[in-house]
Amino acid sequence: MKFKAGLWPIGVATLVLVTSCGGMSGSDIEKAKDPNGDGQTVQRPGYANSQYPDPAPIKEKANPQAVRIGGKPVIQACNLLTVADLVALGIMVDSRPDPNGATFERRYLVGDGSGPLRSSENTYAKALTSGVNHCVYSLQDNQGNQTQERLAVAVSQPAYVPTVDTKPYLDDADPSLTVGPVKIFSKRRKTENPSDASGDAALVLGDTLVDLDFELKADKSAGKLQDLGKKVAENFAKQVSAPAGANVIGYDSAAFPKSVAQPCPMLTPDAVTPAIGTDASPLVAETPATAVGDMIMTNSTKHNYVQIDCERGTGHDNGIDRRALHLTAISFLGEDAAKSYLGSAPNDGQSAPAQVGDEGQVRSKGQTNGEVLFRKGRFVFKLYLADHNAAPDGISGADATRLLVPAAQKMISAFHEQ
């Protein structure tokens, strides 16, 4: 399978290598040298009560290759407020090893895919509810408790939002502030506690509008709102001056001292388009785990893992309307753990093994009907058709074999551990 250079920040299924053991004692570093490393844990400041091997392992990697839509570079939403930005401000993303769109989701645009992008807004994307170019975080406090706080960013540009019209917002917004070349307008929502910070801000530079939505508590992160706004404005100006591709989510942890499989680059148009029956769009929706997890399988041993989910298909910013392939990548530290995972998968309604990778199977019943599971070395992948309108309960095993197995074979043929 051939791919155009520069379409993705890293090669198809290229793996982000993790090498740091920063902050660990000498004995911890010695444990991290174990090639399989299961059972290793990391203590992070502010996560003293974490139940996970590493509650905050994410380390983004810059991607200098900008994507162009309609002849103009895309300002990627998740580059405007990164995990590293939040850490620098003393704000903690909710920690969980099972990816969840409410915890951390990145909808960003890549450089291939001829299908249309479909914004659910006619004026500008509202970070609270919409955006094909969107980033959302849920927050927790330093006791590990969810705070019911949220931050979201959405970017609108004329190439993928029909009319970037600021007038409906600016007519009802507070007087503007300016950070460098960026103009900021803000509106607040009513809250029970007047010291809470709830509302959104529109940041405008040229023909691009950024919507920053915030739901922050007075005794938690509300006092950092001004710093958050300044950081987004500064990053916005930098990205307009020197556009870049969406940062790559990497994992830097002694609890997982090996590479992590990236599912989004595996969802190429030639794999996705035949399965969904229409051209794949440039939109990918990625939900990375925010913690290294562990699971117990057949031998009662805890196995550390990292999971990333990715979805690609039609270009709807609303996942309910999107028809897409949903690919989960679960990275283990050893091949035995991956083998055990497939061996422990429910076999109710399981059809003949799928010829994908080192081993595979098609599940016609279970949590997701018509799911293909396959393994390559220490990596396990789960693939299903996400079509909430036409197939809300999944598809049959026969349809999964017909549609998804060929897609999985294309994905795995290009997958090489780096």
Protein backbone atom coordinates (compact mmCIF):
# COMPACT_ATOMS: atom_id res chain seq x y z
CA MET A 1 0.00 0.00 0.00
CA LYS A 2 1.40 3.37 -0.97
CA PHE A 3 0.82 6.62 0.87
CA LYS A 4 1.47 10.20 -0.04
CA ALA A 5 4.24 11.85 1.91
CA GLY A 6 3.14 14.44 4.41
CA LEU A 7 -0.48 13.27 4.74
CA TRP A 8 0.06 12.08 8.28
CA PRO A 9 2.35 13.34 11.02
CA ILE A 10 3.97 9.93 11.26
CA GLY A 11 3.89 6.95 8.94
CA VAL A 12 0.95 4.61 8.86
CA ALA A 13 0.94 2.74 12.16
CA THR A 14 4.22 4.34 13.12
CA LEU A 15 4.66 3.98 16.85
CA VAL A 16 5.53 6.73 19.28
CA LEU A 17 8.52 5.57 21.26
CA VAL A 18 8.58 6.21 25.00
CA THR A 19 11.96 6.42 26.65
CA SER A 20 11.67 8.66 29.67
CA CYS A 21 11.72 7.38 33.24
CA GLY A 22 11.77 10.89 34.67
CA GLY A 23 10.89 11.33 38.31
CA MET A 24 11.47 7.68 39.23
CA SER A 25 13.81 6.32 41.89
CA GLY A 26 16.77 4.15 41.02
CA SER A 27 14.87 0.98 41.85
CA ASP A 28 11.95 2.09 39.69
CA ILE A 29 14.26 2.69 36.76
CA GLU A 30 15.70 -0.79 37.16
CA LYS A 31 12.18 -2.24 37.06
CA ALA A 32 11.43 -0.24 33.94
CA LYS A 33 14.27 -2.06 32.17
CA ASP A 34 12.23 -5.25 32.33
CA PRO A 35 11.32 -5.75 28.65
CA ASN A 36 7.75 -6.61 29.58
CA GLY A 37 7.52 -4.25 32.56
CA ASP A 38 4.10 -5.42 33.76
CA GLY A 39 3.36 -4.28 37.28
CA GLN A 40 5.48 -1.13 37.03
CA THR A 41 3.77 1.98 38.41
CA VAL A 42 4.47 5.70 38.26
CA GLN A 43 3.63 8.27 40.92
CA ARG A 44 2.64 11.67 39.51
CA PRO A 45 2.31 14.89 41.52
CA GLY A 46 -1.35 15.56 42.22
CA TYR A 47 -2.40 11.97 41.50
CA ALA A 48 -1.58 10.39 44.87
CA ASN A 49 -4.82 8.41 45.00
CA SER A 50 -4.65 7.03 41.49
CA GLN A 51 -5.58 3.38 40.99
CA TYR A 52 -3.79 3.21 37.62
CA PRO A 53 -0.17 2.25 36.78
CA ASP A 54 0.38 5.77 35.43
CA PRO A 55 -2.40 8.35 35.79
CA ALA A 56 -0.90 11.02 33.51
CA PRO A 57 1.47 9.60 30.86
CA ILE A 58 0.56 11.73 27.83
CA LYS A 59 3.30 13.68 26.11
CA GLU A 60 2.41 15.30 22.80
CA LYS A 61 4.79 15.34 19.88
CA ALA A 62 4.79 18.33 17.52
CA ASN A 63 3.90 17.69 13.90
CA PRO A 64 5.31 20.36 11.56
CA GLN A 65 3.38 19.15 8.49
CA ALA A 66 0.34 21.41 8.11
CA VAL A 67 -2.81 20.15 6.41
CA ARG A 68 -4.45 22.25 3.69
CA ILE A 69 -8.19 22.29 3.02
CA GLY A 70 -9.50 24.45 0.21
CA GLY A 71 -5.96 25.62 -0.50
CA LYS A 72 -5.42 27.10 2.98
CA PRO A 73 -3.69 25.63 6.03
CA VAL A 74 -5.88 24.27 8.81
CA ILE A 75 -5.47 25.69 12.31
CA GLN A 76 -5.83 22.50 14.36
CA ALA A 77 -7.98 22.98 17.48
CA CYS A 78 -6.00 20.68 19.75
CA ASN A 79 -2.82 22.62 19.02
CA LEU A 80 -4.43 25.69 20.61
CA LEU A 81 -4.88 24.11 24.04
CA THR A 82 -2.69 21.08 24.64
CA VAL A 83 -2.31 18.66 27.52
CA ALA A 84 1.10 20.25 28.15
CA ASP A 85 -0.54 23.70 28.35
CA LEU A 86 -2.94 22.42 30.99
CA VAL A 87 -0.16 20.79 32.99
CA ALA A 88 1.83 24.05 32.93
CA LEU A 89 -1.20 25.84 34.38
CA GLY A 90 -1.66 23.25 37.11
CA ILE A 91 -4.84 21.85 35.52
CA MET A 92 -5.29 18.08 35.44
CA VAL A 93 -7.15 16.16 32.77
CA ASP A 94 -9.45 13.44 34.06
CA SER A 95 -7.42 10.24 34.34
CA ARG A 96 -8.82 7.06 32.83
CA PRO A 97 -7.38 4.19 30.76
CA ASP A 98 -10.62 3.56 28.84
CA PRO A 99 -10.96 6.22 26.13
CA ASN A 100 -14.05 8.36 26.45
CA GLY A 101 -15.16 11.20 24.22
CA ALA A 102 -16.25 13.30 27.18
CA THR A 103 -12.86 12.93 28.88
CA PHE A 104 -10.57 13.72 25.95
CA GLU A 105 -11.51 13.79 22.30
CA ARG A 106 -9.65 15.22 19.32
CA ARG A 107 -11.49 15.81 16.08
CA TYR A 108 -8.92 16.98 13.56
CA LEU A 109 -8.35 17.12 9.82
CA VAL A 110 -5.80 15.14 7.83
CA GLY A 111 -4.41 15.67 4.36
CA ASP A 112 -6.26 12.95 2.46
CA GLY A 113 -9.87 11.92 1.98
CA SER A 114 -12.16 13.39 -0.68
CA GLY A 115 -15.45 13.10 1.20
CA PRO A 116 -17.17 16.35 2.27
CA LEU A 117 -16.94 17.90 5.73
CA ARG A 118 -20.30 18.57 7.32
CA SER A 119 -20.49 21.19 10.04
CA SER A 120 -23.74 21.22 12.01
CA GLU A 121 -23.48 25.01 12.30
CA ASN A 122 -24.00 27.59 9.56
CA THR A 123 -22.13 30.44 11.24
CA TYR A 124 -19.29 29.08 13.37
CA ALA A 125 -18.58 25.91 15.34
CA LYS A 126 -19.61 26.13 18.98
CA ALA A 127 -17.13 24.26 21.15
CA LEU A 128 -19.84 23.13 23.54
CA THR A 129 -21.69 21.15 20.89
CA SER A 130 -20.08 21.07 17.46
CA GLY A 131 -17.06 21.30 15.20
CA VAL A 132 -15.23 19.14 12.68
CA ASN A 133 -12.06 20.70 14.16
CA HIS A 134 -12.58 20.31 17.88
CA CYS A 135 -10.90 19.40 21.17
CA VAL A 136 -12.49 18.67 24.57
CA TYR A 137 -11.14 17.90 28.04
CA SER A 138 -12.81 16.90 31.30
CA LEU A 139 -10.89 17.82 34.44
CA GLN A 140 -10.21 16.37 37.86
CA ASP A 141 -8.78 17.71 41.11
CA ASN A 142 -5.58 16.67 42.89
CA GLN A 143 -7.51 14.13 44.95
CA GLY A 144 -8.46 12.22 41.82
CA ASN A 145 -12.07 13.39 41.92
CA GLN A 146 -13.97 14.48 38.85
CA THR A 147 -14.74 18.17 39.19
CA GLN A 148 -17.53 18.44 36.59
CA GLU A 149 -15.27 20.98 34.86
CA ARG A 150 -14.77 21.04 31.11
CA LEU A 151 -12.76 22.89 28.50
CA ALA A 152 -13.46 22.72 24.77
CA VAL A 153 -12.01 24.40 21.69
CA ALA A 154 -13.47 24.52 18.17
CA VAL A 155 -11.98 26.21 15.12
CA SER A 156 -13.96 27.57 12.17
CA GLN A 157 -12.41 28.46 8.82
CA PRO A 158 -14.24 29.25 5.55
CA ALA A 159 -12.96 26.07 3.87
CA TYR A 160 -15.03 23.77 6.10
CA VAL A 161 -17.67 25.98 7.78
CA PRO A 162 -20.13 27.44 5.25
CA THR A 163 -20.04 31.00 6.58
CA VAL A 164 -17.72 32.04 9.38
CA ASP A 165 -20.03 34.79 10.60
CA THR A 166 -19.06 36.39 13.91
CA LYS A 167 -21.90 38.90 13.94
CA PRO A 168 -24.43 36.71 15.83
CA TYR A 169 -21.84 36.26 18.55
CA LEU A 170 -20.25 39.70 18.67
CA ASP A 171 -23.57 41.55 18.80
CA ASP A 172 -24.25 39.93 22.16
CA ALA A 173 -20.70 39.70 23.55
CA ASP A 174 -18.84 41.66 26.16
CA PRO A 175 -16.35 44.31 24.99
CA SER A 176 -13.30 42.86 23.31
CA LEU A 177 -9.84 42.29 24.71
CA THR A 178 -6.74 41.94 22.59
CA VAL A 179 -3.82 39.53 23.02
CA GLY A 180 -1.27 40.34 20.33
CA PRO A 181 -3.14 40.26 17.00
CA VAL A 182 -6.02 38.20 18.45
CA LYS A 183 -9.29 39.86 19.40
CA ILE A 184 -11.26 38.17 22.19
CA PHE A 185 -14.98 38.49 22.87
CA SER A 186 -16.63 36.70 25.76
CA LYS A 187 -20.05 35.77 27.10
CA ARG A 188 -20.97 34.20 30.42
CA ARG A 189 -23.73 31.79 31.30
CA LYS A 190 -25.63 32.10 34.56
CA THR A 191 -24.42 29.86 37.38
CA GLU A 192 -25.73 29.06 40.85
CA ASN A 193 -22.42 30.19 42.28
CA PRO A 194 -21.58 33.61 40.82
CA SER A 195 -17.87 32.86 41.31
CA ASP A 196 -17.99 29.90 38.93
CA ALA A 197 -16.83 30.56 35.38
CA SER A 198 -19.21 29.28 32.72
CA GLY A 199 -19.49 30.54 29.16
CA ASP A 200 -17.43 30.88 26.03
CA ALA A 201 -15.04 33.22 24.31
CA ALA A 202 -14.64 33.90 20.60
CA LEU A 203 -11.09 34.57 19.46
CA VAL A 204 -10.82 36.16 16.03
CA LEU A 205 -7.81 36.53 13.77
CA GLY A 206 -8.29 37.16 10.06
CA ASP A 207 -10.99 34.86 8.67
CA THR A 208 -10.57 32.28 11.46
CA LEU A 209 -12.70 32.08 14.59
CA VAL A 210 -11.84 30.00 17.65
CA ASP A 211 -14.52 29.23 20.20
CA LEU A 212 -13.27 28.41 23.71
CA ASP A 213 -15.99 27.01 25.95
CA PHE A 214 -15.40 26.71 29.69
CA GLU A 215 -17.20 25.25 32.67
CA LEU A 216 -14.99 25.91 35.70
CA LYS A 217 -15.66 25.88 39.45
CA ALA A 218 -14.80 28.68 41.83
CA ASP A 219 -12.84 26.42 44.20
CA LYS A 220 -11.10 24.56 41.36
CA SER A 221 -9.95 26.10 38.08
CA ALA A 222 -12.09 29.24 37.63
CA GLY A 223 -9.26 31.47 38.81
CA LYS A 224 -7.14 30.29 35.88
CA LEU A 225 -9.58 31.35 33.18
CA GLN A 226 -7.67 34.48 32.18
CA ASP A 227 -4.43 32.51 31.87
CA LEU A 228 -6.25 29.90 29.78
CA GLY A 229 -7.60 32.56 27.44
CA LYS A 230 -4.18 34.13 27.03
CA LYS A 231 -2.57 30.78 26.29
CA VAL A 232 -5.16 29.92 23.63
CA ALA A 233 -4.71 33.38 22.06
CA GLU A 234 -0.92 33.05 22.04
CA ASN A 235 -1.08 29.58 20.50
CA PHE A 236 -3.65 30.81 17.96
CA ALA A 237 -1.35 33.60 16.78
CA LYS A 238 1.60 31.19 16.53
CA GLN A 239 -0.40 28.66 14.50
CA VAL A 240 -1.63 31.32 12.09
CA SER A 241 1.94 32.53 11.64
CA ALA A 242 3.39 29.01 11.28
CA PRO A 243 0.63 26.42 10.74
CA ALA A 244 1.30 22.86 11.86
CA GLY A 245 -0.44 19.52 11.76
CA ALA A 246 -2.27 18.12 14.75
CA ASN A 247 0.09 17.10 17.53
CA VAL A 248 0.65 13.36 17.90
CA ILE A 249 -0.45 11.88 21.20
CA GLY A 250 2.44 9.94 22.72
CA TYR A 251 2.98 8.18 26.05
CA ASP A 252 6.07 8.83 28.15
CA SER A 253 5.97 6.46 31.08
CA ALA A 254 8.10 3.97 32.97
CA ALA A 255 4.87 2.00 33.41
CA PHE A 256 4.78 1.55 29.64
CA PRO A 257 8.36 1.73 28.35
CA LYS A 258 7.49 0.52 24.86
CA SER A 259 5.90 1.98 21.75
CA VAL A 260 2.16 2.55 21.44
CA ALA A 261 0.09 1.71 18.36
CA GLN A 262 -1.58 4.66 16.64
CA PRO A 263 -4.92 3.66 15.06
CA CYS A 264 -5.78 6.88 13.19
CA PRO A 265 -3.07 6.54 10.51
CA MET A 266 -4.33 3.01 9.84
CA LEU A 267 -7.75 4.35 8.82
CA THR A 268 -6.69 5.32 5.32
CA PRO A 269 -9.26 6.16 2.63
CA ASP A 270 -8.54 2.96 0.69
CA ALA A 271 -9.41 0.92 3.80
CA VAL A 272 -12.38 3.01 4.95
CA THR A 273 -14.17 3.97 1.72
CA PRO A 274 -15.18 0.46 0.50
CA ALA A 275 -16.45 -0.48 3.97
CA ILE A 276 -18.66 2.58 4.47
CA GLY A 277 -19.84 2.78 0.85
CA THR A 278 -18.89 6.41 0.31
CA ASP A 279 -15.72 8.51 0.15
CA ALA A 280 -13.89 8.88 3.44
CA SER A 281 -13.57 12.47 4.63
CA PRO A 282 -10.46 14.20 6.05
CA LEU A 283 -12.07 14.14 9.53
CA VAL A 284 -10.77 11.75 12.18
CA ALA A 285 -12.18 11.53 15.70
CA GLU A 286 -9.56 10.29 18.14
CA THR A 287 -10.09 9.43 21.80
CA PRO A 288 -6.79 8.62 23.53
CA ALA A 289 -6.64 7.07 26.97
CA THR A 290 -5.36 9.54 29.56
CA ALA A 291 -3.84 6.84 31.81
CA VAL A 292 -1.88 3.61 31.50
CA GLY A 293 -4.24 0.86 32.60
CA ASP A 294 -3.83 -2.72 33.72
CA MET A 295 -6.01 -5.78 33.27
CA ILE A 296 -6.06 -9.30 34.62
CA MET A 297 -6.56 -12.12 32.17
CA THR A 298 -6.17 -15.90 32.22
CA ASN A 299 -3.04 -16.21 34.35
CA SER A 300 -4.13 -13.76 37.11
CA THR A 301 -1.23 -11.47 36.22
CA LYS A 302 -1.79 -7.76 35.74
CA HIS A 303 -0.82 -6.60 32.28
CA ASN A 304 -0.18 -2.92 31.64
CA TYR A 305 -1.72 -1.50 28.49
CA VAL A 306 -2.49 1.70 26.58
CA GLN A 307 -5.62 2.13 24.47
CA ILE A 308 -6.41 4.65 21.74
CA ASP A 309 -9.67 4.71 19.76
CA CYS A 310 -10.13 6.35 16.38
CA GLU A 311 -13.06 6.77 14.02
CA ARG A 312 -13.06 7.83 10.39
CA GLY A 313 -15.73 7.92 7.72
CA THR A 314 -18.16 10.57 6.62
CA GLY A 315 -17.32 14.14 7.62
CA HIS A 316 -20.13 14.83 10.10
CA ASP A 317 -19.06 16.61 13.28
CA ASN A 318 -21.97 14.88 15.01
CA GLY A 319 -21.03 11.28 15.71
CA ILE A 320 -24.68 10.21 15.62
CA ASP A 321 -24.87 11.15 11.93
CA ARG A 322 -21.44 9.87 10.99
CA ARG A 323 -20.99 6.53 9.20
CA ALA A 324 -17.48 5.39 9.98
CA LEU A 325 -15.06 2.65 10.82
CA HIS A 326 -14.15 2.62 14.50
CA LEU A 327 -10.74 1.16 15.29
CA THR A 328 -9.43 0.48 18.79
CA ALA A 329 -5.71 -0.16 19.30
CA ILE A 330 -4.66 -1.82 22.56
CA SER A 331 -0.91 -1.95 23.14
CA PHE A 332 0.49 -4.46 25.61
CA LEU A 333 4.06 -4.89 26.80
CA GLY A 334 4.29 -8.51 25.74
CA GLU A 335 2.84 -10.81 23.09
CA ASP A 336 1.50 -13.26 25.67
CA ALA A 337 -0.82 -10.59 27.05
CA ALA A 338 -2.17 -9.83 23.58
CA LYS A 339 -2.72 -13.53 22.90
CA SER A 340 -4.56 -13.88 26.20
CA TYR A 341 -6.79 -10.93 25.33
CA LEU A 342 -8.00 -12.57 22.14
CA GLY A 343 -8.26 -15.89 23.89
CA SER A 344 -10.48 -14.37 26.58
CA ALA A 345 -12.82 -12.66 24.10
CA PRO A 346 -16.40 -14.00 24.32
CA ASN A 347 -16.98 -16.74 21.79
CA ASP A 348 -20.78 -16.58 21.76
CA GLY A 349 -21.70 -16.36 18.11
CA GLN A 350 -18.09 -16.27 16.98
CA SER A 351 -17.61 -17.15 13.34
CA ALA A 352 -14.58 -18.71 11.68
CA PRO A 353 -11.30 -16.93 12.40
CA ALA A 354 -10.54 -13.98 10.18
CA GLN A 355 -7.30 -14.12 8.24
CA VAL A 356 -5.88 -10.90 9.60
CA GLY A 357 -2.43 -10.43 11.13
CA ASP A 358 -1.14 -13.13 13.46
CA GLU A 359 -4.66 -14.18 14.40
CA GLY A 360 -8.17 -12.83 14.11
CA GLN A 361 -11.81 -13.52 14.74
CA VAL A 362 -15.20 -12.15 13.77
CA ARG A 363 -17.74 -11.72 16.52
CA SER A 364 -21.37 -11.75 15.43
CA LYS A 365 -22.67 -11.21 18.97
CA GLY A 366 -21.42 -9.40 22.02
CA GLN A 367 -20.97 -5.81 23.05
CA THR A 368 -20.66 -4.74 19.42
CA ASN A 369 -22.28 -6.99 16.83
CA GLY A 370 -20.12 -7.57 13.82
CA GLU A 371 -16.77 -6.77 15.40
CA VAL A 372 -13.45 -7.95 13.98
CA LEU A 373 -10.66 -8.60 16.47
CA PHE A 374 -7.13 -9.12 15.22
CA ARG A 375 -3.61 -9.20 16.61
CA LYS A 376 -0.16 -8.32 15.41
CA GLY A 377 2.52 -9.22 17.92
CA ARG A 378 1.74 -7.47 21.22
CA PHE A 379 -0.92 -5.23 19.66
CA VAL A 380 -4.63 -6.01 19.56
CA PHE A 381 -7.10 -4.21 17.31
CA LYS A 382 -10.88 -4.11 17.36
CA LEU A 383 -12.79 -2.87 14.32
CA TYR A 384 -16.48 -2.22 13.88
CA LEU A 385 -18.84 -0.16 11.74
CA ALA A 386 -20.19 2.89 13.58
CA ASP A 387 -23.51 3.75 11.96
CA HIS A 388 -25.97 4.95 14.58
CA ASN A 389 -28.71 5.65 12.05
CA ALA A 390 -28.67 2.58 9.78
CA ALA A 391 -27.09 0.00 12.10
CA PRO A 392 -27.48 1.10 15.74
CA ASP A 393 -27.02 -2.47 17.00
CA GLY A 394 -24.08 -3.29 14.76
CA ILE A 395 -23.98 -5.61 11.77
CA SER A 396 -24.11 -9.36 11.26
CA GLY A 397 -21.08 -11.59 11.36
CA ALA A 398 -21.52 -12.23 7.65
CA ASP A 399 -21.52 -8.49 6.89
CA ALA A 400 -18.50 -7.99 9.13
CA THR A 401 -16.65 -10.68 7.22
CA ARG A 402 -17.64 -9.09 3.91
CA LEU A 403 -17.00 -5.42 4.80
CA LEU A 404 -14.60 -5.27 7.72
CA VAL A 405 -12.20 -8.14 7.19
CA PRO A 406 -10.88 -6.68 3.88
CA ALA A 407 -10.49 -3.30 5.60
CA ALA A 408 -8.62 -4.91 8.49
CA GLN A 409 -6.35 -6.74 6.07
CA LYS A 410 -5.42 -3.46 4.39
CA MET A 411 -4.71 -1.86 7.76
CA ILE A 412 -2.56 -4.66 9.10
CA SER A 413 -0.58 -5.07 5.88
CA ALA A 414 0.85 -1.60 6.42
CA PHE A 415 1.36 -1.98 10.16
CA HIS A 416 4.99 -2.28 11.19
CA GLU A 417 6.33 -1.75 14.67
CA GLN A 418 9.05 0.87 14.66
